[in-house]
C-alpha atoms as a PDB file:
ATOM      1  CA  UNK A   1     -15.625   9.535  20.616  1.00  0.00           C
ATOM      2  CA  UNK A   2     -17.309   9.355  16.740  1.00  0.00           C
ATOM      3  CA  UNK A   3     -17.665  10.929  13.354  1.00  0.00           C
ATOM      4  CA  UNK A   4     -19.442  14.014  14.984  1.00  0.00           C
ATOM      5  CA  UNK A   5     -16.534  14.775  16.834  1.00  0.00           C
ATOM      6  CA  UNK A   6     -14.719  16.061  13.264  1.00  0.00           C
ATOM      7  CA  UNK A   7     -17.264  16.004  11.159  1.00  0.00           C
ATOM      8  CA  UNK A   8     -19.774  18.808  10.963  1.00  0.00           C
ATOM      9  CA  UNK A   9     -21.530  17.945   7.458  1.00  0.00           C
ATOM     10  CA  UNK A  10     -20.644  15.928   4.403  1.00  0.00           C
ATOM     11  CA  UNK A  11     -19.056  18.939   2.649  1.00  0.00           C
ATOM     12  CA  UNK A  12     -16.444  18.327   5.757  1.00  0.00           C
ATOM     13  CA  UNK A  13     -15.690  15.511   3.974  1.00  0.00           C
ATOM     14  CA  UNK A  14     -14.915  16.496   0.698  1.00  0.00           C
ATOM     15  CA  UNK A  15     -11.179  16.975   0.059  1.00  0.00           C
ATOM     16  CA  UNK A  16     -10.065  20.318  -0.877  1.00  0.00           C
ATOM     17  CA  UNK A  17      -7.875  21.570  -4.144  1.00  0.00           C
ATOM     18  CA  UNK A  18      -5.158  22.250  -2.243  1.00  0.00           C
ATOM     19  CA  UNK A  19      -4.668  19.012  -0.106  1.00  0.00           C
ATOM     20  CA  UNK A  20      -5.225  17.055  -3.553  1.00  0.00           C
ATOM     21  CA  UNK A  21      -2.145  19.585  -5.208  1.00  0.00           C
ATOM     22  CA  UNK A  22       0.146  18.249  -1.853  1.00  0.00           C
ATOM     23  CA  UNK A  23      -1.061  14.675  -2.805  1.00  0.00           C
ATOM     24  CA  UNK A  24      -0.074  14.727  -6.093  1.00  0.00           C
ATOM     25  CA  UNK A  25       3.354  16.719  -5.476  1.00  0.00           C
ATOM     26  CA  UNK A  26       3.835  14.342  -2.440  1.00  0.00           C
ATOM     27  CA  UNK A  27       3.460  11.589  -5.046  1.00  0.00           C
ATOM     28  CA  UNK A  28       5.906  12.444  -7.326  1.00  0.00           C
ATOM     29  CA  UNK A  29       8.500  13.406  -4.938  1.00  0.00           C
ATOM     30  CA  UNK A  30       8.053   9.525  -3.799  1.00  0.00           C
ATOM     31  CA  UNK A  31       8.279   8.464  -7.370  1.00  0.00           C
ATOM     32  CA  UNK A  32      11.465  10.739  -7.974  1.00  0.00           C
ATOM     33  CA  UNK A  33      12.628   8.448  -5.169  1.00  0.00           C
ATOM     34  CA  UNK A  34      11.639   5.294  -5.955  1.00  0.00           C
ATOM     35  CA  UNK A  35      13.184   5.989  -9.477  1.00  0.00           C
ATOM     36  CA  UNK A  36      16.955   6.728  -8.135  1.00  0.00           C
ATOM     37  CA  UNK A  37      17.856   3.247  -8.315  1.00  0.00           C
ATOM     38  CA  UNK A  38      17.113   2.560 -11.886  1.00  0.00           C
ATOM     39  CA  UNK A  39      19.020   5.607 -12.741  1.00  0.00           C
ATOM     40  CA  UNK A  40      21.973   4.544 -10.984  1.00  0.00           C
ATOM     41  CA  UNK A  41      21.741   0.650 -12.268  1.00  0.00           C
ATOM     42  CA  UNK A  42      21.569   2.668 -16.059  1.00  0.00           C
ATOM     43  CA  UNK A  43      24.770   4.411 -15.122  1.00  0.00           C
ATOM     44  CA  UNK A  44      26.702   1.515 -14.469  1.00  0.00           C
ATOM     45  CA  UNK A  45      25.373  -0.240 -17.496  1.00  0.00           C
ATOM     46  CA  UNK A  46      26.233   2.268 -19.142  1.00  0.00           C
ATOM     47  CA  UNK A  47      29.992   2.396 -17.965  1.00  0.00           C
ATOM     48  CA  UNK A  48      30.525  -1.366 -18.117  1.00  0.00           C
ATOM     49  CA  UNK A  49      28.427  -1.281 -22.006  1.00  0.00           C
ATOM     50  CA  UNK A  50      30.718   1.520 -23.296  1.00  0.00           C
ATOM     51  CA  UNK A  51      33.671  -1.386 -23.268  1.00  0.00           C
ATOM     52  CA  UNK A  52      32.577  -2.741 -26.435  1.00  0.00           C
ATOM     53  CA  UNK A  53      33.323  -1.884 -29.652  1.00  0.00           C
ATOM     54  CA  UNK A  54      30.392  -3.218 -31.336  1.00  0.00           C
ATOM     55  CA  UNK A  55      26.910  -4.463 -30.611  1.00  0.00           C
ATOM     56  CA  UNK A  56      27.962  -7.942 -31.126  1.00  0.00           C
ATOM     57  CA  UNK A  57      30.416  -7.301 -28.724  1.00  0.00           C
ATOM     58  CA  UNK A  58      28.013  -7.173 -25.572  1.00  0.00           C
ATOM     59  CA  UNK A  59      27.016 -11.117 -25.736  1.00  0.00           C
ATOM     60  CA  UNK A  60      30.289 -11.907 -24.434  1.00  0.00           C
ATOM     61  CA  UNK A  61      29.790  -9.271 -21.370  1.00  0.00           C
ATOM     62  CA  UNK A  62      27.673 -12.046 -19.060  1.00  0.00           C
ATOM     63  CA  UNK A  63      28.273  -9.687 -16.322  1.00  0.00           C
ATOM     64  CA  UNK A  64      25.245  -7.670 -17.680  1.00  0.00           C
ATOM     65  CA  UNK A  65      23.590 -10.410 -19.100  1.00  0.00           C
ATOM     66  CA  UNK A  66      20.346  -9.666 -16.611  1.00  0.00           C
ATOM     67  CA  UNK A  67      20.511  -6.403 -17.997  1.00  0.00           C
ATOM     68  CA  UNK A  68      20.721  -7.112 -21.608  1.00  0.00           C
ATOM     69  CA  UNK A  69      17.431  -9.184 -20.963  1.00  0.00           C
ATOM     70  CA  UNK A  70      15.556  -5.903 -19.465  1.00  0.00           C
ATOM     71  CA  UNK A  71      17.013  -4.275 -22.533  1.00  0.00           C
ATOM     72  CA  UNK A  72      15.343  -6.457 -24.438  1.00  0.00           C
ATOM     73  CA  UNK A  73      11.733  -6.082 -22.811  1.00  0.00           C
ATOM     74  CA  UNK A  74      11.655  -9.467 -20.809  1.00  0.00           C
ATOM     75  CA  UNK A  75      10.527  -8.410 -17.108  1.00  0.00           C
ATOM     76  CA  UNK A  76      12.256 -10.275 -14.539  1.00  0.00           C
ATOM     77  CA  UNK A  77       8.725 -11.681 -13.590  1.00  0.00           C
ATOM     78  CA  UNK A  78       8.427 -13.222 -17.131  1.00  0.00           C
ATOM     79  CA  UNK A  79      11.947 -14.191 -17.655  1.00  0.00           C
ATOM     80  CA  UNK A  80      11.300 -16.928 -15.155  1.00  0.00           C
ATOM     81  CA  UNK A  81       9.337 -18.702 -17.779  1.00  0.00           C
ATOM     82  CA  UNK A  82      12.329 -18.465 -20.393  1.00  0.00           C
ATOM     83  CA  UNK A  83      15.030 -21.051 -21.036  1.00  0.00           C
ATOM     84  CA  UNK A  84      18.772 -19.723 -21.239  1.00  0.00           C
ATOM     85  CA  UNK A  85      18.288 -20.322 -24.972  1.00  0.00           C
ATOM     86  CA  UNK A  86      15.401 -18.291 -25.234  1.00  0.00           C
ATOM     87  CA  UNK A  87      16.853 -15.471 -22.800  1.00  0.00           C
ATOM     88  CA  UNK A  88      19.789 -15.706 -25.422  1.00  0.00           C
ATOM     89  CA  UNK A  89      17.585 -15.386 -28.638  1.00  0.00           C
ATOM     90  CA  UNK A  90      16.137 -12.352 -27.160  1.00  0.00           C
ATOM     91  CA  UNK A  91      19.124 -10.336 -26.550  1.00  0.00           C
ATOM     92  CA  UNK A  92      19.972 -10.999 -30.195  1.00  0.00           C
ATOM     93  CA  UNK A  93      16.955 -10.139 -31.307  1.00  0.00           C
ATOM     94  CA  UNK A  94      17.490  -6.965 -29.154  1.00  0.00           C
ATOM     95  CA  UNK A  95      21.242  -6.232 -31.045  1.00  0.00           C
ATOM     96  CA  UNK A  96      20.184  -7.036 -34.419  1.00  0.00           C
ATOM     97  CA  UNK A  97      16.943  -5.226 -34.780  1.00  0.00           C
ATOM     98  CA  UNK A  98      17.957  -1.850 -32.647  1.00  0.00           C
ATOM     99  CA  UNK A  99      21.458  -1.720 -31.500  1.00  0.00           C
ATOM    100  CA  UNK A 100      22.709  -2.243 -34.939  1.00  0.00           C
ATOM    101  CA  UNK A 101      20.762   0.248 -36.611  1.00  0.00           C
ATOM    102  CA  UNK A 102      21.665   2.648 -33.987  1.00  0.00           C
ATOM    103  CA  UNK A 103      25.297   2.496 -35.099  1.00  0.00           C
ATOM    104  CA  UNK A 104      27.824   4.600 -33.450  1.00  0.00           C
ATOM    105  CA  UNK A 105      24.885   5.252 -30.394  1.00  0.00           C
ATOM    106  CA  UNK A 106      24.225   1.743 -29.928  1.00  0.00           C
ATOM    107  CA  UNK A 107      25.192   2.129 -26.213  1.00  0.00           C
ATOM    108  CA  UNK A 108      22.772   5.131 -25.585  1.00  0.00           C
ATOM    109  CA  UNK A 109      19.681   3.207 -27.268  1.00  0.00           C
ATOM    110  CA  UNK A 110      20.826  -0.193 -25.064  1.00  0.00           C
ATOM    111  CA  UNK A 111      20.242   2.547 -21.973  1.00  0.00           C
ATOM    112  CA  UNK A 112      17.045   3.843 -23.228  1.00  0.00           C
ATOM    113  CA  UNK A 113      15.593   0.303 -23.490  1.00  0.00           C
ATOM    114  CA  UNK A 114      16.828  -0.767 -20.378  1.00  0.00           C
ATOM    115  CA  UNK A 115      15.197   2.415 -18.690  1.00  0.00           C
ATOM    116  CA  UNK A 116      12.330   1.733 -20.927  1.00  0.00           C
ATOM    117  CA  UNK A 117      11.790  -1.557 -19.251  1.00  0.00           C
ATOM    118  CA  UNK A 118      12.238  -0.818 -16.020  1.00  0.00           C
ATOM    119  CA  UNK A 119       9.992   2.310 -16.286  1.00  0.00           C
ATOM    120  CA  UNK A 120       7.402  -0.028 -16.804  1.00  0.00           C
ATOM    121  CA  UNK A 121       8.285  -1.801 -13.644  1.00  0.00           C
ATOM    122  CA  UNK A 122       8.414   1.465 -11.814  1.00  0.00           C
ATOM    123  CA  UNK A 123       4.919   2.318 -13.475  1.00  0.00           C
ATOM    124  CA  UNK A 124       3.728  -0.808 -11.330  1.00  0.00           C
ATOM    125  CA  UNK A 125       5.081  -0.199  -8.061  1.00  0.00           C
ATOM    126  CA  UNK A 126       3.562   3.271  -8.528  1.00  0.00           C
ATOM    127  CA  UNK A 127       0.268   2.421  -9.397  1.00  0.00           C
ATOM    128  CA  UNK A 128       0.302   0.697  -5.642  1.00  0.00           C
ATOM    129  CA  UNK A 129       2.818   3.837  -3.863  1.00  0.00           C
ATOM    130  CA  UNK A 130      -0.465   5.685  -3.625  1.00  0.00           C
ATOM    131  CA  UNK A 131      -2.103   3.313  -1.292  1.00  0.00           C
ATOM    132  CA  UNK A 132       0.637   2.720   0.401  1.00  0.00           C
ATOM    133  CA  UNK A 133       1.935   6.655   1.558  1.00  0.00           C
ATOM    134  CA  UNK A 134      -1.984   6.274   2.498  1.00  0.00           C
ATOM    135  CA  UNK A 135      -1.036   3.696   5.138  1.00  0.00           C
ATOM    136  CA  UNK A 136       1.887   5.296   6.138  1.00  0.00           C
ATOM    137  CA  UNK A 137       0.225   8.732   6.611  1.00  0.00           C
ATOM    138  CA  UNK A 138      -2.554   6.977   8.552  1.00  0.00           C
ATOM    139  CA  UNK A 139      -0.403   4.925  10.523  1.00  0.00           C
ATOM    140  CA  UNK A 140       2.039   7.216  11.614  1.00  0.00           C
ATOM    141  CA  UNK A 141      -0.681   9.426  12.954  1.00  0.00           C
ATOM    142  CA  UNK A 142      -2.066   6.333  14.912  1.00  0.00           C
ATOM    143  CA  UNK A 143       1.709   6.095  16.264  1.00  0.00           C
ATOM    144  CA  UNK A 144       1.651   9.371  17.227  1.00  0.00           C
ATOM    145  CA  UNK A 145      -1.365   8.969  19.021  1.00  0.00           C
ATOM    146  CA  UNK A 146      -0.518   6.650  20.907  1.00  0.00           C
ATOM    147  CA  UNK A 147       2.738   8.048  21.953  1.00  0.00           C
ATOM    148  CA  UNK A 148       0.879  11.394  22.987  1.00  0.00           C
ATOM    149  CA  UNK A 149      -1.665   9.583  24.938  1.00  0.00           C
ATOM    150  CA  UNK A 150       1.143   7.751  26.840  1.00  0.00           C
ATOM    151  CA  UNK A 151      -0.503   4.332  25.692  1.00  0.00           C
ATOM    152  CA  UNK A 152       2.916   1.939  25.618  1.00  0.00           C
ATOM    153  CA  UNK A 153       2.279  -0.490  22.390  1.00  0.00           C
ATOM    154  CA  UNK A 154       4.384  -3.202  20.290  1.00  0.00           C
ATOM    155  CA  UNK A 155       3.879  -3.346  16.719  1.00  0.00           C
ATOM    156  CA  UNK A 156       3.860  -6.501  14.708  1.00  0.00           C
ATOM    157  CA  UNK A 157       7.171  -6.363  12.228  1.00  0.00           C
ATOM    158  CA  UNK A 158       5.910  -7.028   8.545  1.00  0.00           C
ATOM    159  CA  UNK A 159       9.505  -8.475   7.890  1.00  0.00           C
ATOM    160  CA  UNK A 160      10.247 -11.040  10.843  1.00  0.00           C
ATOM    161  CA  UNK A 161       6.264 -11.027  11.556  1.00  0.00           C
ATOM    162  CA  UNK A 162       7.452 -10.649  15.725  1.00  0.00           C
ATOM    163  CA  UNK A 163       6.037  -8.461  18.013  1.00  0.00           C
ATOM    164  CA  UNK A 164       8.403  -5.936  19.083  1.00  0.00           C
ATOM    165  CA  UNK A 165       8.009  -3.125  21.679  1.00  0.00           C
ATOM    166  CA  UNK A 166       7.588   0.063  20.081  1.00  0.00           C
ATOM    167  CA  UNK A 167       9.954   3.310  19.900  1.00  0.00           C
ATOM    168  CA  UNK A 168       8.890   6.813  17.905  1.00  0.00           C
ATOM    169  CA  UNK A 169      11.985   5.726  15.431  1.00  0.00           C
ATOM    170  CA  UNK A 170      12.114   7.219  11.846  1.00  0.00           C
ATOM    171  CA  UNK A 171       9.804   5.190   9.526  1.00  0.00           C
ATOM    172  CA  UNK A 172       8.383   2.825  11.887  1.00  0.00           C
ATOM    173  CA  UNK A 173       5.109   3.361   9.761  1.00  0.00           C
ATOM    174  CA  UNK A 174       7.028   1.673   6.653  1.00  0.00           C
ATOM    175  CA  UNK A 175       7.584  -1.433   8.965  1.00  0.00           C
ATOM    176  CA  UNK A 176       4.056  -2.285  10.860  1.00  0.00           C
ATOM    177  CA  UNK A 177       1.808  -5.312   9.715  1.00  0.00           C
ATOM    178  CA  UNK A 178      -0.276  -4.810  13.117  1.00  0.00           C
ATOM    179  CA  UNK A 179      -0.207  -3.023  16.521  1.00  0.00           C
ATOM    180  CA  UNK A 180      -1.154  -4.197  19.990  1.00  0.00           C
ATOM    181  CA  UNK A 181      -2.356  -1.930  22.783  1.00  0.00           C
ATOM    182  CA  UNK A 182      -4.307  -2.200  26.157  1.00  0.00           C
ATOM    183  CA  UNK A 183      -6.716   0.579  26.893  1.00  0.00           C
ATOM    184  CA  UNK A 184      -8.451   0.915  30.018  1.00  0.00           C
ATOM    185  CA  UNK A 185      -7.119  -2.643  30.753  1.00  0.00           C
ATOM    186  CA  UNK A 186      -8.759  -3.902  27.278  1.00  0.00           C
ATOM    187  CA  UNK A 187      -6.186  -5.861  24.629  1.00  0.00           C
ATOM    188  CA  UNK A 188      -6.778  -4.120  21.536  1.00  0.00           C
ATOM    189  CA  UNK A 189      -5.149  -5.671  18.396  1.00  0.00           C
ATOM    190  CA  UNK A 190      -5.159  -3.543  15.143  1.00  0.00           C
ATOM    191  CA  UNK A 191      -3.948  -5.762  11.958  1.00  0.00           C
ATOM    192  CA  UNK A 192      -3.027  -4.558   8.301  1.00  0.00           C
ATOM    193  CA  UNK A 193      -4.666  -5.915   5.154  1.00  0.00           C
ATOM    194  CA  UNK A 194      -5.626  -9.471   6.372  1.00  0.00           C
ATOM    195  CA  UNK A 195      -7.668 -11.905   4.921  1.00  0.00           C
ATOM    196  CA  UNK A 196     -10.428 -12.360   7.412  1.00  0.00           C
ATOM    197  CA  UNK A 197     -12.004 -16.270   6.707  1.00  0.00           C
ATOM    198  CA  UNK A 198     -15.694 -14.969   8.120  1.00  0.00           C
ATOM    199  CA  UNK A 199     -15.407 -12.479   5.214  1.00  0.00           C
ATOM    200  CA  UNK A 200     -13.335 -14.805   3.124  1.00  0.00           C
ATOM    201  CA  UNK A 201     -11.404 -11.415   1.750  1.00  0.00           C
ATOM    202  CA  UNK A 202      -8.703  -9.522   2.409  1.00  0.00           C
ATOM    203  CA  UNK A 203      -9.554  -6.658   4.962  1.00  0.00           C
ATOM    204  CA  UNK A 204      -7.557  -3.896   5.154  1.00  0.00           C
ATOM    205  CA  UNK A 205      -7.734  -2.738   9.060  1.00  0.00           C
ATOM    206  CA  UNK A 206      -9.196  -5.214  11.862  1.00  0.00           C
ATOM    207  CA  UNK A 207      -9.183  -4.413  15.195  1.00  0.00           C
ATOM    208  CA  UNK A 208      -9.760  -7.176  17.416  1.00  0.00           C
ATOM    209  CA  UNK A 209     -10.288  -7.735  21.291  1.00  0.00           C
ATOM    210  CA  UNK A 210      -7.161  -9.732  21.835  1.00  0.00           C
ATOM    211  CA  UNK A 211      -3.304 -10.175  22.840  1.00  0.00           C
ATOM    212  CA  UNK A 212      -0.615 -10.844  20.839  1.00  0.00           C
ATOM    213  CA  UNK A 213      -0.678 -14.442  22.004  1.00  0.00           C
ATOM    214  CA  UNK A 214      -3.823 -15.287  20.358  1.00  0.00           C
ATOM    215  CA  UNK A 215      -2.651 -14.409  17.052  1.00  0.00           C
ATOM    216  CA  UNK A 216      -1.423 -16.767  15.155  1.00  0.00           C
ATOM    217  CA  UNK A 217      -1.093 -15.660  11.117  1.00  0.00           C
ATOM    218  CA  UNK A 218       0.208 -18.755   9.545  1.00  0.00           C
ATOM    219  CA  UNK A 219      -2.092 -20.583   7.654  1.00  0.00           C
ATOM    220  CA  UNK A 220      -4.639 -23.117   9.043  1.00  0.00           C
ATOM    221  CA  UNK A 221      -4.415 -21.932  12.217  1.00  0.00           C
ATOM    222  CA  UNK A 222      -7.773 -21.735  13.682  1.00  0.00           C
ATOM    223  CA  UNK A 223      -7.335 -20.935  17.094  1.00  0.00           C
ATOM    224  CA  UNK A 224      -6.046 -17.773  15.989  1.00  0.00           C
ATOM    225  CA  UNK A 225      -8.339 -14.841  17.233  1.00  0.00           C
ATOM    226  CA  UNK A 226      -8.822 -13.857  14.157  1.00  0.00           C
ATOM    227  CA  UNK A 227     -11.031 -16.634  12.798  1.00  0.00           C
ATOM    228  CA  UNK A 228     -13.188 -16.053  15.898  1.00  0.00           C
ATOM    229  CA  UNK A 229     -16.180 -13.575  14.940  1.00  0.00           C
ATOM    230  CA  UNK A 230     -17.202 -12.202  18.859  1.00  0.00           C
ATOM    231  CA  UNK A 231     -13.522 -11.251  18.723  1.00  0.00           C
ATOM    232  CA  UNK A 232     -13.733  -7.980  16.049  1.00  0.00           C
ATOM    233  CA  UNK A 233     -14.459  -4.830  17.235  1.00  0.00           C
ATOM    234  CA  UNK A 234     -14.169  -2.707  14.071  1.00  0.00           C
ATOM    235  CA  UNK A 235     -13.008  -3.512  10.401  1.00  0.00           C
ATOM    236  CA  UNK A 236     -12.336  -0.994   7.929  1.00  0.00           C
ATOM    237  CA  UNK A 237     -11.333   0.457   4.474  1.00  0.00           C
ATOM    238  CA  UNK A 238      -8.592   2.779   3.657  1.00  0.00           C
ATOM    239  CA  UNK A 239      -8.228   3.630   0.210  1.00  0.00           C
ATOM    240  CA  UNK A 240      -4.884   6.385  -0.122  1.00  0.00           C
ATOM    241  CA  UNK A 241      -4.958   7.415  -3.716  1.00  0.00           C
ATOM    242  CA  UNK A 242      -5.457  11.067  -4.134  1.00  0.00           C
ATOM    243  CA  UNK A 243      -6.692  11.220  -8.098  1.00  0.00           C
ATOM    244  CA  UNK A 244     -10.101  12.804  -7.963  1.00  0.00           C
ATOM    245  CA  UNK A 245     -10.898  10.752 -11.346  1.00  0.00           C
ATOM    246  CA  UNK A 246     -10.434   7.319  -9.178  1.00  0.00           C
ATOM    247  CA  UNK A 247     -12.164   8.704  -6.295  1.00  0.00           C
ATOM    248  CA  UNK A 248     -15.667   7.297  -7.293  1.00  0.00           C
ATOM    249  CA  UNK A 249     -14.364   3.734  -7.972  1.00  0.00           C
ATOM    250  CA  UNK A 250     -12.025   3.787  -4.843  1.00  0.00           C
ATOM    251  CA  UNK A 251     -15.415   4.369  -2.554  1.00  0.00           C
ATOM    252  CA  UNK A 252     -17.403   1.794  -4.640  1.00  0.00           C
ATOM    253  CA  UNK A 253     -15.129  -0.755  -4.020  1.00  0.00           C
ATOM    254  CA  UNK A 254     -14.602  -0.171  -0.493  1.00  0.00           C
ATOM    255  CA  UNK A 255     -18.493   0.499  -0.042  1.00  0.00           C
ATOM    256  CA  UNK A 256     -18.723  -2.921  -1.691  1.00  0.00           C
ATOM    257  CA  UNK A 257     -16.235  -4.804   0.670  1.00  0.00           C
ATOM    258  CA  UNK A 258     -17.802  -3.226   3.994  1.00  0.00           C
ATOM    259  CA  UNK A 259     -21.410  -4.154   2.875  1.00  0.00           C
ATOM    260  CA  UNK A 260     -19.538  -7.766   2.195  1.00  0.00           C
ATOM    261  CA  UNK A 261     -18.257  -7.396   5.971  1.00  0.00           C
ATOM    262  CA  UNK A 262     -21.317  -6.541   7.199  1.00  0.00           C
ATOM    263  CA  UNK A 263     -23.109  -9.281   5.707  1.00  0.00           C
ATOM    264  CA  UNK A 264     -20.911 -11.614   6.507  1.00  0.00           C
ATOM    265  CA  UNK A 265     -20.862 -10.906  10.154  1.00  0.00           C
ATOM    266  CA  UNK A 266     -24.509 -10.911  10.408  1.00  0.00           C
ATOM    267  CA  UNK A 267     -24.634 -14.302   9.672  1.00  0.00           C
ATOM    268  CA  UNK A 268     -22.326 -14.890  12.525  1.00  0.00           C
ATOM    269  CA  UNK A 269     -24.820 -13.115  14.379  1.00  0.00           C
ATOM    270  CA  UNK A 270     -22.406 -10.104  15.469  1.00  0.00           C
ATOM    271  CA  UNK A 271     -22.136  -6.428  14.673  1.00  0.00           C
ATOM    272  CA  UNK A 272     -18.737  -5.237  14.637  1.00  0.00           C
ATOM    273  CA  UNK A 273     -18.302  -1.246  13.517  1.00  0.00           C
ATOM    274  CA  UNK A 274     -17.221  -0.481  10.061  1.00  0.00           C
ATOM    275  CA  UNK A 275     -15.281   2.757   9.141  1.00  0.00           C
ATOM    276  CA  UNK A 276     -13.555   4.374   6.099  1.00  0.00           C
ATOM    277  CA  UNK A 277     -10.807   6.531   5.283  1.00  0.00           C
ATOM    278  CA  UNK A 278     -10.134   8.194   1.996  1.00  0.00           C
ATOM    279  CA  UNK A 279      -7.543  10.452   0.582  1.00  0.00           C
ATOM    280  CA  UNK A 280      -9.767  11.392  -2.497  1.00  0.00           C
ATOM    281  CA  UNK A 281     -13.418  12.168  -1.725  1.00  0.00           C
ATOM    282  CA  UNK A 282     -15.388  13.953  -4.139  1.00  0.00           C
ATOM    283  CA  UNK A 283     -18.893  16.048  -3.248  1.00  0.00           C
ATOM    284  CA  UNK A 284     -21.310  12.924  -4.534  1.00  0.00           C
ATOM    285  CA  UNK A 285     -19.502  10.106  -2.729  1.00  0.00           C
ATOM    286  CA  UNK A 286     -19.311  12.488   0.430  1.00  0.00           C
ATOM    287  CA  UNK A 287     -23.341  12.386   0.661  1.00  0.00           C
ATOM    288  CA  UNK A 288     -23.683   9.294   0.134  1.00  0.00           C
ATOM    289  CA  UNK A 289     -20.984   8.588   3.049  1.00  0.00           C
ATOM    290  CA  UNK A 290     -22.379  11.118   5.164  1.00  0.00           C
ATOM    291  CA  UNK A 291     -25.856   9.078   5.114  1.00  0.00           C
ATOM    292  CA  UNK A 292     -24.445   6.100   5.644  1.00  0.00           C
ATOM    293  CA  UNK A 293     -23.288   7.623   8.890  1.00  0.00           C
ATOM    294  CA  UNK A 294     -26.595   8.993  10.083  1.00  0.00           C
ATOM    295  CA  UNK A 295     -28.113   5.970   9.171  1.00  0.00           C
ATOM    296  CA  UNK A 296     -25.313   4.097  11.684  1.00  0.00           C
ATOM    297  CA  UNK A 297     -24.682   2.093   8.778  1.00  0.00           C
ATOM    298  CA  UNK A 298     -21.208   3.353   8.608  1.00  0.00           C
ATOM    299  CA  UNK A 299     -19.930   4.217  12.195  1.00  0.00           C
ATOM    300  CA  UNK A 300     -17.072   5.878  11.467  1.00  0.00           C
ATOM    301  CA  UNK A 301     -15.147   8.246   8.304  1.00  0.00           C
ATOM    302  CA  UNK A 302     -12.410  10.355   8.107  1.00  0.00           C
ATOM    303  CA  UNK A 303     -10.878  12.129   5.194  1.00  0.00           C
ATOM    304  CA  UNK A 304      -7.130  11.074   5.418  1.00  0.00           C
ATOM    305  CA  UNK A 305      -6.005  14.411   3.661  1.00  0.00           C
ATOM    306  CA  UNK A 306      -6.876  16.425   7.087  1.00  0.00           C
ATOM    307  CA  UNK A 307      -5.527  15.263  10.072  1.00  0.00           C
ATOM    308  CA  UNK A 308      -7.836  16.967  12.324  1.00  0.00           C
ATOM    309  CA  UNK A 309     -10.187  13.862  11.186  1.00  0.00           C
ATOM    310  CA  UNK A 310      -7.671  10.915  11.378  1.00  0.00           C
ATOM    311  CA  UNK A 311      -6.755  12.013  14.407  1.00  0.00           C
ATOM    312  CA  UNK A 312     -10.344  11.817  16.098  1.00  0.00           C
ATOM    313  CA  UNK A 313     -10.699   8.768  14.214  1.00  0.00           C
ATOM    314  CA  UNK A 314      -7.125   6.951  16.048  1.00  0.00           C
ATOM    315  CA  UNK A 315      -9.132   8.196  19.334  1.00  0.00           C
ATOM    316  CA  UNK A 316     -11.893   6.464  18.110  1.00  0.00           C
ATOM    317  CA  UNK A 317     -10.297   3.095  17.653  1.00  0.00           C
ATOM    318  CA  UNK A 318      -8.156   3.515  20.789  1.00  0.00           C
ATOM    319  CA  UNK A 319     -10.916   3.851  22.821  1.00  0.00           C
ATOM    320  CA  UNK A 320     -13.312   1.127  21.385  1.00  0.00           C
END
């Protein structure tokens, strides 16, 4: 199975307007979901802070000390570099410059500023979430393909770093750091977001001819299969961002990474397959990608918004 099973021309790769719209809606829903815990925190903060009669009284509410620091504009990451005295000064500055001038509305002012800082943190999370949603979507389709084909597999749990027997459970795609299956008596492992020593860079998706007992992901474990060029069957880049404005930049980044992979393995006299999966694919980049497919520079490609594309590519990976 190759790209011609699901692509007739470069036009087949272009993301339709309807899929772009659906992607933005999915991102918005996820953003609201991610924001829910922050809003609940703000509600609790307001409930406790309302016990203060004046802004200065807040200095005595040690149980909301961290929230006051957040409202002062200092992120959790930045606060690690502040002494206790520095933090106290930041809170005093918040009270003197913003809460006191707000008069009787000082509690509302506190909550607004707390949410403003938390929103900034949420923005950072959301900038990475588009890619994460794309990874989850690809993984869910790959899992479903394995289940439908009746292929038993294990997954590397992202939290425990242990291999577990897979069941078709809810949200399994969010736990996966790697997958192992046996196809036609061939051991196959797909690893996610792994630094490949041969390339000396992180690669989104790496398919190896190996079993779980050949993979060691702790540092300097040079006996691990991912240190050996001959073990690699395919390497790919996945760009899950749906915004058309960033599509060209995503492809340039992915194309550069794929060229680096090919050049690195060429020096080892090996030529593994390379592939690309993208959610936002515009006309100009679709032409370039299809030219690479026809020239066999790139071995496969799928538009992530088209399930038929992704199922076909998953079949290709499983049977390599």
